[in-house]
Amino acid sequence: MAEISYNDFLRVELRVGTILEVEEFPEAHKPAYKLKIDLGELGVKRSSAQIKNVYSKEELIGKQVVCVTNFPPKQIGPFLSEVLTTGFDGGKGVILTAVDQEVQNGKRLY
């Protein structure tokens, strides 16, 4: 990948939010959940995440995750995803990008 400047990095808005609700997403092509994430001052946003192979619904509630909040909404089948929930390829599925201590919802990563 080409190098980017710090100003390029600042254009990507990465914020922390807490997962409030998790629903099944049977229409998704790959195993996924529909999430509602509290992003503080930005409000509660929806996201589709292909994390079903790694996480149960119960263990996701209350988990703080890192989201890209300035992508345009993306239509995924019948669902409108408003933010991108970030993660890493863990081999058996996506491992969420999370914080190891509680952070105020909506705070920006820098």
PDB file of N, CA and C in Angstrom:
ATOM      1  N   MET A   1       0.837  -1.186   0.000  1.00  0.00           N
ATOM      2  CA  MET A   1       0.000   0.000   0.000  1.00  0.00           C
ATOM      3  C   MET A   1       0.877   1.243   0.000  1.00  0.00           C
ATOM      4  N   ALA A   2       0.347   2.272  -0.590  1.00  0.00           N
ATOM      5  CA  ALA A   2       1.063   3.540  -0.631  1.00  0.00           C
ATOM      6  C   ALA A   2       1.015   4.215   0.733  1.00  0.00           C
ATOM      7  N   GLU A   3       2.059   4.966   1.057  1.00  0.00           N
ATOM      8  CA  GLU A   3       2.070   5.737   2.295  1.00  0.00           C
ATOM      9  C   GLU A   3       1.016   6.835   2.229  1.00  0.00           C
ATOM     10  N   ILE A   4       0.474   7.167   3.396  1.00  0.00           N
ATOM     11  CA  ILE A   4      -0.464   8.282   3.484  1.00  0.00           C
ATOM     12  C   ILE A   4       0.069   9.277   4.505  1.00  0.00           C
ATOM     13  N   SER A   5      -0.450  10.472   4.450  1.00  0.00           N
ATOM     14  CA  SER A   5      -0.046  11.490   5.425  1.00  0.00           C
ATOM     15  C   SER A   5      -0.948  11.401   6.657  1.00  0.00           C
ATOM     16  N   TYR A   6      -0.528  12.057   7.731  1.00  0.00           N
ATOM     17  CA  TYR A   6      -1.358  12.107   8.939  1.00  0.00           C
ATOM     18  C   TYR A   6      -2.693  12.774   8.625  1.00  0.00           C
ATOM     19  N   ASN A   7      -2.698  13.763   7.749  1.00  0.00           N
ATOM     20  CA  ASN A   7      -3.950  14.424   7.357  1.00  0.00           C
ATOM     21  C   ASN A   7      -4.888  13.456   6.640  1.00  0.00           C
ATOM     22  N   ASP A   8      -4.333  12.528   5.846  1.00  0.00           N
ATOM     23  CA  ASP A   8      -5.157  11.495   5.219  1.00  0.00           C
ATOM     24  C   ASP A   8      -5.812  10.632   6.296  1.00  0.00           C
ATOM     25  N   PHE A   9      -5.033  10.228   7.299  1.00  0.00           N
ATOM     26  CA  PHE A   9      -5.555   9.423   8.402  1.00  0.00           C
ATOM     27  C   PHE A   9      -6.685  10.156   9.129  1.00  0.00           C
ATOM     28  N   LEU A  10      -6.516  11.447   9.342  1.00  0.00           N
ATOM     29  CA  LEU A  10      -7.531  12.232  10.058  1.00  0.00           C
ATOM     30  C   LEU A  10      -8.860  12.309   9.308  1.00  0.00           C
ATOM     31  N   ARG A  11      -8.841  12.044   8.022  1.00  0.00           N
ATOM     32  CA  ARG A  11     -10.080  12.066   7.242  1.00  0.00           C
ATOM     33  C   ARG A  11     -10.980  10.876   7.568  1.00  0.00           C
ATOM     34  N   VAL A  12     -10.401   9.816   8.119  1.00  0.00           N
ATOM     35  CA  VAL A  12     -11.184   8.639   8.512  1.00  0.00           C
ATOM     36  C   VAL A  12     -11.595   8.827   9.970  1.00  0.00           C
ATOM     37  N   GLU A  13     -12.893   8.890  10.200  1.00  0.00           N
ATOM     38  CA  GLU A  13     -13.399   9.107  11.545  1.00  0.00           C
ATOM     39  C   GLU A  13     -13.655   7.759  12.216  1.00  0.00           C
ATOM     40  N   LEU A  14     -12.776   7.381  13.123  1.00  0.00           N
ATOM     41  CA  LEU A  14     -12.887   6.136  13.877  1.00  0.00           C
ATOM     42  C   LEU A  14     -13.333   6.489  15.294  1.00  0.00           C
ATOM     43  N   ARG A  15     -14.503   5.964  15.684  1.00  0.00           N
ATOM     44  CA  ARG A  15     -15.057   6.303  17.002  1.00  0.00           C
ATOM     45  C   ARG A  15     -15.472   5.035  17.742  1.00  0.00           C
ATOM     46  N   VAL A  16     -15.479   5.138  19.060  1.00  0.00           N
ATOM     47  CA  VAL A  16     -15.861   4.007  19.902  1.00  0.00           C
ATOM     48  C   VAL A  16     -17.354   4.082  20.208  1.00  0.00           C
ATOM     49  N   GLY A  17     -17.969   2.907  20.249  1.00  0.00           N
ATOM     50  CA  GLY A  17     -19.379   2.818  20.594  1.00  0.00           C
ATOM     51  C   GLY A  17     -19.665   1.524  21.325  1.00  0.00           C
ATOM     52  N   THR A  18     -20.801   1.497  22.009  1.00  0.00           N
ATOM     53  CA  THR A  18     -21.204   0.321  22.766  1.00  0.00           C
ATOM     54  C   THR A  18     -22.349  -0.381  22.061  1.00  0.00           C
ATOM     55  N   ILE A  19     -22.220  -1.681  21.873  1.00  0.00           N
ATOM     56  CA  ILE A  19     -23.274  -2.470  21.236  1.00  0.00           C
ATOM     57  C   ILE A  19     -24.455  -2.593  22.194  1.00  0.00           C
ATOM     58  N   LEU A  20     -25.613  -2.125  21.744  1.00  0.00           N
ATOM     59  CA  LEU A  20     -26.836  -2.154  22.551  1.00  0.00           C
ATOM     60  C   LEU A  20     -27.737  -3.333  22.216  1.00  0.00           C
ATOM     61  N   GLU A  21     -27.837  -3.636  20.913  1.00  0.00           N
ATOM     62  CA  GLU A  21     -28.731  -4.700  20.444  1.00  0.00           C
ATOM     63  C   GLU A  21     -28.046  -5.511  19.357  1.00  0.00           C
ATOM     64  N   VAL A  22     -28.383  -6.798  19.324  1.00  0.00           N
ATOM     65  CA  VAL A  22     -27.853  -7.720  18.309  1.00  0.00           C
ATOM     66  C   VAL A  22     -29.021  -8.538  17.783  1.00  0.00           C
ATOM     67  N   GLU A  23     -29.195  -8.536  16.461  1.00  0.00           N
ATOM     68  CA  GLU A  23     -30.267  -9.316  15.838  1.00  0.00           C
ATOM     69  C   GLU A  23     -29.681 -10.239  14.780  1.00  0.00           C
ATOM     70  N   GLU A  24     -30.367 -11.330  14.539  1.00  0.00           N
ATOM     71  CA  GLU A  24     -29.990 -12.227  13.446  1.00  0.00           C
ATOM     72  C   GLU A  24     -30.138 -11.483  12.123  1.00  0.00           C
ATOM     73  N   PHE A  25     -29.350 -11.884  11.129  1.00  0.00           N
ATOM     74  CA  PHE A  25     -29.432 -11.295   9.784  1.00  0.00           C
ATOM     75  C   PHE A  25     -29.438 -12.446   8.776  1.00  0.00           C
ATOM     76  N   PRO A  26     -30.553 -13.177   8.703  1.00  0.00           N
ATOM     77  CA  PRO A  26     -30.609 -14.370   7.853  1.00  0.00           C
ATOM     78  C   PRO A  26     -30.468 -14.075   6.359  1.00  0.00           C
ATOM     79  N   GLU A  27     -30.748 -12.847   5.935  1.00  0.00           N
ATOM     80  CA  GLU A  27     -30.652 -12.507   4.509  1.00  0.00           C
ATOM     81  C   GLU A  27     -29.207 -12.263   4.051  1.00  0.00           C
ATOM     82  N   ALA A  28     -28.276 -12.138   4.975  1.00  0.00           N
ATOM     83  CA  ALA A  28     -26.874 -11.867   4.629  1.00  0.00           C
ATOM     84  C   ALA A  28     -26.265 -13.075   3.908  1.00  0.00           C
ATOM     85  N   HIS A  29     -25.360 -12.798   2.961  1.00  0.00           N
ATOM     86  CA  HIS A  29     -24.699 -13.871   2.202  1.00  0.00           C
ATOM     87  C   HIS A  29     -23.750 -14.679   3.084  1.00  0.00           C
ATOM     88  N   LYS A  30     -23.071 -14.010   4.030  1.00  0.00           N
ATOM     89  CA  LYS A  30     -22.177 -14.672   4.981  1.00  0.00           C
ATOM     90  C   LYS A  30     -22.782 -14.493   6.367  1.00  0.00           C
ATOM     91  N   PRO A  31     -22.499 -15.408   7.294  1.00  0.00           N
ATOM     92  CA  PRO A  31     -23.086 -15.295   8.636  1.00  0.00           C
ATOM     93  C   PRO A  31     -22.813 -13.931   9.268  1.00  0.00           C
ATOM     94  N   ALA A  32     -23.891 -13.203   9.601  1.00  0.00           N
ATOM     95  CA  ALA A  32     -23.752 -11.839  10.106  1.00  0.00           C
ATOM     96  C   ALA A  32     -24.847 -11.529  11.117  1.00  0.00           C
ATOM     97  N   TYR A  33     -24.598 -10.462  11.867  1.00  0.00           N
ATOM     98  CA  TYR A  33     -25.588  -9.899  12.778  1.00  0.00           C
ATOM     99  C   TYR A  33     -25.903  -8.477  12.354  1.00  0.00           C
ATOM    100  N   LYS A  34     -27.069  -8.005  12.760  1.00  0.00           N
ATOM    101  CA  LYS A  34     -27.421  -6.593  12.667  1.00  0.00           C
ATOM    102  C   LYS A  34     -27.199  -6.016  14.066  1.00  0.00           C
ATOM    103  N   LEU A  35     -26.401  -4.963  14.148  1.00  0.00           N
ATOM    104  CA  LEU A  35     -26.050  -4.353  15.431  1.00  0.00           C
ATOM    105  C   LEU A  35     -26.638  -2.958  15.549  1.00  0.00           C
ATOM    106  N   LYS A  36     -26.992  -2.574  16.773  1.00  0.00           N
ATOM    107  CA  LYS A  36     -27.296  -1.180  17.110  1.00  0.00           C
ATOM    108  C   LYS A  36     -26.215  -0.755  18.082  1.00  0.00           C
ATOM    109  N   ILE A  37     -25.518   0.338  17.721  1.00  0.00           N
ATOM    110  CA  ILE A  37     -24.342   0.774  18.467  1.00  0.00           C
ATOM    111  C   ILE A  37     -24.541   2.213  18.936  1.00  0.00           C
ATOM    112  N   ASP A  38     -24.373   2.448  20.235  1.00  0.00           N
ATOM    113  CA  ASP A  38     -24.465   3.791  20.814  1.00  0.00           C
ATOM    114  C   ASP A  38     -23.133   4.495  20.597  1.00  0.00           C
ATOM    115  N   LEU A  39     -23.156   5.541  19.769  1.00  0.00           N
ATOM    116  CA  LEU A  39     -21.956   6.305  19.461  1.00  0.00           C
ATOM    117  C   LEU A  39     -21.996   7.690  20.094  1.00  0.00           C
ATOM    118  N   GLY A  40     -22.597   7.777  21.269  1.00  0.00           N
ATOM    119  CA  GLY A  40     -22.589   9.028  22.029  1.00  0.00           C
ATOM    120  C   GLY A  40     -23.284  10.140  21.290  1.00  0.00           C
ATOM    121  N   GLU A  41     -22.571  11.240  21.092  1.00  0.00           N
ATOM    122  CA  GLU A  41     -23.141  12.437  20.457  1.00  0.00           C
ATOM    123  C   GLU A  41     -23.631  12.177  19.029  1.00  0.00           C
ATOM    124  N   LEU A  42     -23.157  11.125  18.388  1.00  0.00           N
ATOM    125  CA  LEU A  42     -23.601  10.789  17.030  1.00  0.00           C
ATOM    126  C   LEU A  42     -24.908  10.008  17.033  1.00  0.00           C
ATOM    127  N   GLY A  43     -25.333   9.547  18.209  1.00  0.00           N
ATOM    128  CA  GLY A  43     -26.570   8.788  18.326  1.00  0.00           C
ATOM    129  C   GLY A  43     -26.352   7.296  18.180  1.00  0.00           C
ATOM    130  N   VAL A  44     -27.444   6.571  18.084  1.00  0.00           N
ATOM    131  CA  VAL A  44     -27.408   5.118  17.909  1.00  0.00           C
ATOM    132  C   VAL A  44     -27.422   4.834  16.412  1.00  0.00           C
ATOM    133  N   LYS A  45     -26.441   4.077  15.961  1.00  0.00           N
ATOM    134  CA  LYS A  45     -26.292   3.757  14.538  1.00  0.00           C
ATOM    135  C   LYS A  45     -26.381   2.246  14.341  1.00  0.00           C
ATOM    136  N   ARG A  46     -26.741   1.865  13.122  1.00  0.00           N
ATOM    137  CA  ARG A  46     -26.883   0.452  12.766  1.00  0.00           C
ATOM    138  C   ARG A  46     -25.697  -0.002  11.934  1.00  0.00           C
ATOM    139  N   SER A  47     -25.326  -1.268  12.113  1.00  0.00           N
ATOM    140  CA  SER A  47     -24.202  -1.827  11.370  1.00  0.00           C
ATOM    141  C   SER A  47     -24.437  -3.314  11.147  1.00  0.00           C
ATOM    142  N   SER A  48     -24.046  -3.794   9.989  1.00  0.00           N
ATOM    143  CA  SER A  48     -24.032  -5.224   9.706  1.00  0.00           C
ATOM    144  C   SER A  48     -22.601  -5.699   9.929  1.00  0.00           C
ATOM    145  N   ALA A  49     -22.452  -6.807  10.650  1.00  0.00           N
ATOM    146  CA  ALA A  49     -21.103  -7.305  10.930  1.00  0.00           C
ATOM    147  C   ALA A  49     -21.058  -8.818  10.747  1.00  0.00           C
ATOM    148  N   GLN A  50     -20.079  -9.275   9.971  1.00  0.00           N
ATOM    149  CA  GLN A  50     -19.903 -10.708   9.707  1.00  0.00           C
ATOM    150  C   GLN A  50     -19.066 -11.325  10.824  1.00  0.00           C
ATOM    151  N   ILE A  51     -19.676 -11.421  12.000  1.00  0.00           N
ATOM    152  CA  ILE A  51     -18.965 -11.869  13.192  1.00  0.00           C
ATOM    153  C   ILE A  51     -19.648 -13.059  13.863  1.00  0.00           C
ATOM    154  N   LYS A  52     -20.646 -13.593  13.212  1.00  0.00           N
ATOM    155  CA  LYS A  52     -21.463 -14.652  13.805  1.00  0.00           C
ATOM    156  C   LYS A  52     -20.672 -15.931  14.074  1.00  0.00           C
ATOM    157  N   ASN A  53     -19.634 -16.203  13.305  1.00  0.00           N
ATOM    158  CA  ASN A  53     -18.821 -17.404  13.503  1.00  0.00           C
ATOM    159  C   ASN A  53     -17.944 -17.311  14.752  1.00  0.00           C
ATOM    160  N   VAL A  54     -17.779 -16.093  15.286  1.00  0.00           N
ATOM    161  CA  VAL A  54     -16.860 -15.886  16.398  1.00  0.00           C
ATOM    162  C   VAL A  54     -17.585 -15.503  17.695  1.00  0.00           C
ATOM    163  N   TYR A  55     -18.673 -14.730  17.575  1.00  0.00           N
ATOM    164  CA  TYR A  55     -19.337 -14.176  18.757  1.00  0.00           C
ATOM    165  C   TYR A  55     -20.795 -14.632  18.855  1.00  0.00           C
ATOM    166  N   SER A  56     -21.245 -14.868  20.085  1.00  0.00           N
ATOM    167  CA  SER A  56     -22.669 -15.089  20.322  1.00  0.00           C
ATOM    168  C   SER A  56     -23.331 -13.721  20.522  1.00  0.00           C
ATOM    169  N   LYS A  57     -24.623 -13.678  20.350  1.00  0.00           N
ATOM    170  CA  LYS A  57     -25.353 -12.424  20.561  1.00  0.00           C
ATOM    171  C   LYS A  57     -25.151 -11.917  21.987  1.00  0.00           C
ATOM    172  N   GLU A  58     -25.195 -12.824  22.931  1.00  0.00           N
ATOM    173  CA  GLU A  58     -25.123 -12.442  24.345  1.00  0.00           C
ATOM    174  C   GLU A  58     -23.785 -11.788  24.717  1.00  0.00           C
ATOM    175  N   GLU A  59     -22.694 -12.300  24.162  1.00  0.00           N
ATOM    176  CA  GLU A  59     -21.396 -11.743  24.537  1.00  0.00           C
ATOM    177  C   GLU A  59     -21.112 -10.396  23.868  1.00  0.00           C
ATOM    178  N   LEU A  60     -21.911 -10.030  22.865  1.00  0.00           N
ATOM    179  CA  LEU A  60     -21.708  -8.753  22.186  1.00  0.00           C
ATOM    180  C   LEU A  60     -22.373  -7.580  22.912  1.00  0.00           C
ATOM    181  N   ILE A  61     -23.456  -7.844  23.623  1.00  0.00           N
ATOM    182  CA  ILE A  61     -24.165  -6.768  24.316  1.00  0.00           C
ATOM    183  C   ILE A  61     -23.229  -6.117  25.328  1.00  0.00           C
ATOM    184  N   GLY A  62     -23.097  -4.788  25.234  1.00  0.00           N
ATOM    185  CA  GLY A  62     -22.242  -4.036  26.150  1.00  0.00           C
ATOM    186  C   GLY A  62     -20.793  -3.932  25.718  1.00  0.00           C
ATOM    187  N   LYS A  63     -20.408  -4.633  24.660  1.00  0.00           N
ATOM    188  CA  LYS A  63     -19.022  -4.595  24.172  1.00  0.00           C
ATOM    189  C   LYS A  63     -18.773  -3.273  23.450  1.00  0.00           C
ATOM    190  N   GLN A  64     -17.644  -2.650  23.755  1.00  0.00           N
ATOM    191  CA  GLN A  64     -17.267  -1.425  23.051  1.00  0.00           C
ATOM    192  C   GLN A  64     -16.418  -1.778  21.838  1.00  0.00           C
ATOM    193  N   VAL A  65     -16.773  -1.202  20.695  1.00  0.00           N
ATOM    194  CA  VAL A  65     -16.113  -1.494  19.431  1.00  0.00           C
ATOM    195  C   VAL A  65     -15.727  -0.200  18.728  1.00  0.00           C
ATOM    196  N   VAL A  66     -14.846  -0.322  17.752  1.00  0.00           N
ATOM    197  CA  VAL A  66     -14.385   0.826  16.970  1.00  0.00           C
ATOM    198  C   VAL A  66     -15.091   0.814  15.621  1.00  0.00           C
ATOM    199  N   CYS A  67     -15.686   1.953  15.262  1.00  0.00           N
ATOM    200  CA  CYS A  67     -16.462   2.067  14.021  1.00  0.00           C
ATOM    201  C   CYS A  67     -15.955   3.218  13.163  1.00  0.00           C
ATOM    202  N   VAL A  68     -16.011   3.035  11.843  1.00  0.00           N
ATOM    203  CA  VAL A  68     -15.806   4.143  10.906  1.00  0.00           C
ATOM    204  C   VAL A  68     -17.167   4.814  10.765  1.00  0.00           C
ATOM    205  N   THR A  69     -17.217   6.095  11.116  1.00  0.00           N
ATOM    206  CA  THR A  69     -18.507   6.785  11.157  1.00  0.00           C
ATOM    207  C   THR A  69     -18.730   7.761  10.008  1.00  0.00           C
ATOM    208  N   ASN A  70     -17.743   7.944   9.148  1.00  0.00           N
ATOM    209  CA  ASN A  70     -17.945   8.907   8.063  1.00  0.00           C
ATOM    210  C   ASN A  70     -17.929   8.281   6.669  1.00  0.00           C
ATOM    211  N   PHE A  71     -18.219   6.978   6.584  1.00  0.00           N
ATOM    212  CA  PHE A  71     -18.536   6.375   5.295  1.00  0.00           C
ATOM    213  C   PHE A  71     -20.002   6.659   5.004  1.00  0.00           C
ATOM    214  N   PRO A  72     -20.390   6.709   3.732  1.00  0.00           N
ATOM    215  CA  PRO A  72     -21.821   6.825   3.452  1.00  0.00           C
ATOM    216  C   PRO A  72     -22.534   5.536   3.851  1.00  0.00           C
ATOM    217  N   PRO A  73     -23.814   5.608   4.195  1.00  0.00           N
ATOM    218  CA  PRO A  73     -24.562   4.382   4.516  1.00  0.00           C
ATOM    219  C   PRO A  73     -24.499   3.399   3.350  1.00  0.00           C
ATOM    220  N   LYS A  74     -24.520   2.106   3.682  1.00  0.00           N
ATOM    221  CA  LYS A  74     -24.437   1.065   2.648  1.00  0.00           C
ATOM    222  C   LYS A  74     -25.625   0.133   2.780  1.00  0.00           C
ATOM    223  N   GLN A  75     -26.325  -0.063   1.676  1.00  0.00           N
ATOM    224  CA  GLN A  75     -27.463  -0.979   1.646  1.00  0.00           C
ATOM    225  C   GLN A  75     -26.940  -2.398   1.509  1.00  0.00           C
ATOM    226  N   ILE A  76     -27.265  -3.253   2.483  1.00  0.00           N
ATOM    227  CA  ILE A  76     -26.863  -4.656   2.456  1.00  0.00           C
ATOM    228  C   ILE A  76     -28.151  -5.463   2.480  1.00  0.00           C
ATOM    229  N   GLY A  77     -28.598  -5.873   1.303  1.00  0.00           N
ATOM    230  CA  GLY A  77     -29.898  -6.535   1.199  1.00  0.00           C
ATOM    231  C   GLY A  77     -30.974  -5.598   1.713  1.00  0.00           C
ATOM    232  N   PRO A  78     -31.813  -6.052   2.639  1.00  0.00           N
ATOM    233  CA  PRO A  78     -32.891  -5.209   3.151  1.00  0.00           C
ATOM    234  C   PRO A  78     -32.445  -4.271   4.280  1.00  0.00           C
ATOM    235  N   PHE A  79     -31.155  -4.281   4.621  1.00  0.00           N
ATOM    236  CA  PHE A  79     -30.652  -3.567   5.794  1.00  0.00           C
ATOM    237  C   PHE A  79     -29.754  -2.417   5.376  1.00  0.00           C
ATOM    238  N   LEU A  80     -29.930  -1.237   6.006  1.00  0.00           N
ATOM    239  CA  LEU A  80     -29.076  -0.081   5.746  1.00  0.00           C
ATOM    240  C   LEU A  80     -28.052   0.034   6.864  1.00  0.00           C
ATOM    241  N   SER A  81     -26.795  -0.246   6.537  1.00  0.00           N
ATOM    242  CA  SER A  81     -25.707  -0.161   7.500  1.00  0.00           C
ATOM    243  C   SER A  81     -25.188   1.273   7.514  1.00  0.00           C
ATOM    244  N   GLU A  82     -25.192   1.903   8.692  1.00  0.00           N
ATOM    245  CA  GLU A  82     -24.830   3.323   8.803  1.00  0.00           C
ATOM    246  C   GLU A  82     -23.370   3.550   9.174  1.00  0.00           C
ATOM    247  N   VAL A  83     -22.742   2.568   9.812  1.00  0.00           N
ATOM    248  CA  VAL A  83     -21.328   2.665  10.180  1.00  0.00           C
ATOM    249  C   VAL A  83     -20.662   1.328   9.884  1.00  0.00           C
ATOM    250  N   LEU A  84     -19.344   1.367   9.722  1.00  0.00           N
ATOM    251  CA  LEU A  84     -18.561   0.146   9.518  1.00  0.00           C
ATOM    252  C   LEU A  84     -17.944  -0.249  10.855  1.00  0.00           C
ATOM    253  N   THR A  85     -18.306  -1.405  11.361  1.00  0.00           N
ATOM    254  CA  THR A  85     -17.699  -1.941  12.579  1.00  0.00           C
ATOM    255  C   THR A  85     -16.404  -2.627  12.165  1.00  0.00           C
ATOM    256  N   THR A  86     -15.286  -2.206  12.756  1.00  0.00           N
ATOM    257  CA  THR A  86     -13.981  -2.676  12.296  1.00  0.00           C
ATOM    258  C   THR A  86     -13.553  -3.962  12.995  1.00  0.00           C
ATOM    259  N   GLY A  87     -12.685  -4.703  12.317  1.00  0.00           N
ATOM    260  CA  GLY A  87     -12.161  -5.941  12.871  1.00  0.00           C
ATOM    261  C   GLY A  87     -11.032  -6.483  12.021  1.00  0.00           C
ATOM    262  N   PHE A  88     -10.504  -7.612  12.486  1.00  0.00           N
ATOM    263  CA  PHE A  88      -9.375  -8.269  11.836  1.00  0.00           C
ATOM    264  C   PHE A  88      -9.763  -9.684  11.441  1.00  0.00           C
ATOM    265  N   ASP A  89      -9.159 -10.190  10.372  1.00  0.00           N
ATOM    266  CA  ASP A  89      -9.371 -11.577   9.968  1.00  0.00           C
ATOM    267  C   ASP A  89      -8.696 -12.464  11.000  1.00  0.00           C
ATOM    268  N   GLY A  90      -9.498 -13.217  11.717  1.00  0.00           N
ATOM    269  CA  GLY A  90      -8.957 -14.089  12.747  1.00  0.00           C
ATOM    270  C   GLY A  90      -8.848 -15.533  12.304  1.00  0.00           C
ATOM    271  N   GLY A  91      -8.979 -15.788  11.016  1.00  0.00           N
ATOM    272  CA  GLY A  91      -8.900 -17.150  10.503  1.00  0.00           C
ATOM    273  C   GLY A  91     -10.263 -17.809  10.451  1.00  0.00           C
ATOM    274  N   LYS A  92     -10.935 -17.919  11.583  1.00  0.00           N
ATOM    275  CA  LYS A  92     -12.269 -18.531  11.616  1.00  0.00           C
ATOM    276  C   LYS A  92     -13.377 -17.500  11.513  1.00  0.00           C
ATOM    277  N   GLY A  93     -13.004 -16.227  11.433  1.00  0.00           N
ATOM    278  CA  GLY A  93     -13.978 -15.145  11.321  1.00  0.00           C
ATOM    279  C   GLY A  93     -13.366 -13.820  11.734  1.00  0.00           C
ATOM    280  N   VAL A  94     -14.191 -12.796  11.740  1.00  0.00           N
ATOM    281  CA  VAL A  94     -13.730 -11.444  12.057  1.00  0.00           C
ATOM    282  C   VAL A  94     -13.656 -11.262  13.573  1.00  0.00           C
ATOM    283  N   ILE A  95     -12.504 -10.768  14.039  1.00  0.00           N
ATOM    284  CA  ILE A  95     -12.293 -10.423  15.441  1.00  0.00           C
ATOM    285  C   ILE A  95     -12.459  -8.911  15.542  1.00  0.00           C
ATOM    286  N   LEU A  96     -13.401  -8.468  16.357  1.00  0.00           N
ATOM    287  CA  LEU A  96     -13.726  -7.048  16.457  1.00  0.00           C
ATOM    288  C   LEU A  96     -12.568  -6.225  17.015  1.00  0.00           C
ATOM    289  N   THR A  97     -12.451  -4.994  16.519  1.00  0.00           N
ATOM    290  CA  THR A  97     -11.537  -4.024  17.095  1.00  0.00           C
ATOM    291  C   THR A  97     -12.245  -3.441  18.310  1.00  0.00           C
ATOM    292  N   ALA A  98     -11.661  -3.637  19.477  1.00  0.00           N
ATOM    293  CA  ALA A  98     -12.302  -3.221  20.718  1.00  0.00           C
ATOM    294  C   ALA A  98     -11.296  -2.480  21.595  1.00  0.00           C
ATOM    295  N   VAL A  99     -11.795  -1.857  22.645  1.00  0.00           N
ATOM    296  CA  VAL A  99     -10.933  -1.170  23.609  1.00  0.00           C
ATOM    297  C   VAL A  99     -10.809  -2.043  24.856  1.00  0.00           C
ATOM    298  N   ASP A 100      -9.693  -1.924  25.566  1.00  0.00           N
ATOM    299  CA  ASP A 100      -9.494  -2.783  26.733  1.00  0.00           C
ATOM    300  C   ASP A 100      -9.914  -2.118  28.048  1.00  0.00           C
ATOM    301  N   GLN A 101     -10.301  -0.848  27.977  1.00  0.00           N
ATOM    302  CA  GLN A 101     -10.866  -0.142  29.123  1.00  0.00           C
ATOM    303  C   GLN A 101     -12.022   0.701  28.614  1.00  0.00           C
ATOM    304  N   GLU A 102     -12.993   0.971  29.493  1.00  0.00           N
ATOM    305  CA  GLU A 102     -14.174   1.718  29.048  1.00  0.00           C
ATOM    306  C   GLU A 102     -13.794   3.126  28.615  1.00  0.00           C
ATOM    307  N   VAL A 103     -14.376   3.531  27.488  1.00  0.00           N
ATOM    308  CA  VAL A 103     -14.161   4.858  26.913  1.00  0.00           C
ATOM    309  C   VAL A 103     -15.540   5.462  26.676  1.00  0.00           C
ATOM    310  N   GLN A 104     -15.653   6.774  26.818  1.00  0.00           N
ATOM    311  CA  GLN A 104     -16.929   7.439  26.567  1.00  0.00           C
ATOM    312  C   GLN A 104     -17.351   7.211  25.123  1.00  0.00           C
ATOM    313  N   ASN A 105     -18.606   6.768  24.921  1.00  0.00           N
ATOM    314  CA  ASN A 105     -19.114   6.532  23.581  1.00  0.00           C
ATOM    315  C   ASN A 105     -18.960   7.776  22.719  1.00  0.00           C
ATOM    316  N   GLY A 106     -18.540   7.566  21.485  1.00  0.00           N
ATOM    317  CA  GLY A 106     -18.383   8.659  20.532  1.00  0.00           C
ATOM    318  C   GLY A 106     -16.980   9.242  20.477  1.00  0.00           C
ATOM    319  N   LYS A 107     -16.112   8.864  21.416  1.00  0.00           N
ATOM    320  CA  LYS A 107     -14.751   9.398  21.397  1.00  0.00           C
ATOM    321  C   LYS A 107     -14.027   8.916  20.154  1.00  0.00           C
ATOM    322  N   ARG A 108     -13.201   9.803  19.620  1.00  0.00           N
ATOM    323  CA  ARG A 108     -12.490   9.527  18.373  1.00  0.00           C
ATOM    324  C   ARG A 108     -11.126   8.889  18.623  1.00  0.00           C
ATOM    325  N   LEU A 109     -10.780   7.932  17.781  1.00  0.00           N
ATOM    326  CA  LEU A 109      -9.450   7.322  17.814  1.00  0.00           C
ATOM    327  C   LEU A 109      -8.473   8.262  17.130  1.00  0.00           C
ATOM    328  N   TYR A 110      -7.326   8.433  17.727  1.00  0.00           N
ATOM    329  CA  TYR A 110      -6.272   9.257  17.117  1.00  0.00           C
ATOM    330  C   TYR A 110      -4.923   8.703  17.438  1.00  0.00           C
TER     331      TYR A 110
END
